[in-house]
Amino acid sequence: MAEPPSPPPSMASPNHDDDATDPANNGVLRPPPLRSFRENNSDSRFDLNFTLRITEKLNETNFHLWRQQVEPYINAQGLDEFLGSSTAPPRFLNATDHATATLNPAYRKWHQKDQMLLSWLQTTLTSEILARFLGSRTSQDLW
């Protein structure tokens, strides 16, 4: 019995799509996709459909080139508020929530988006640059 055909590239496994470089693309760096944060009205799922291709990771000499590629993408995804002076919602809404470690739903959503952005930004840095930001807890800290 013949094996079923392999899925088309758009349906390939997430691990394949997340490869840092793709030889078929002449070595162009492909960080993992930054997820689009359009919220579903029925739950907190995210629309996982957009991948940014950057030509090189941030190093000592290419800040302006790197920023020119990364910043418009962040703006297009509506995540620029995380890099400015926005304030996170309070973690807990009241003393009872604090005592029971019940997170404010708005904080949970904010934190999830911020951590996704932070994680994605880290994939666009060389290891030498990333080492300088090891203590970054938010995307704003890194930016």
Foldseek 3Di string as FASTA:
>chain_A
DDDDDDDPPVPDDQVVQQDQADVVVVGFGWHRALFQQDADPVDRDTHRDDTFTQRAADDDPCVVSLCVRPVVVCVVSVNVCQQDPDDADDQADDPVCVVVVPGDPSNVSVLVNFVSLLVRSLSRHDPVLSVVQVPDPTNNSSD
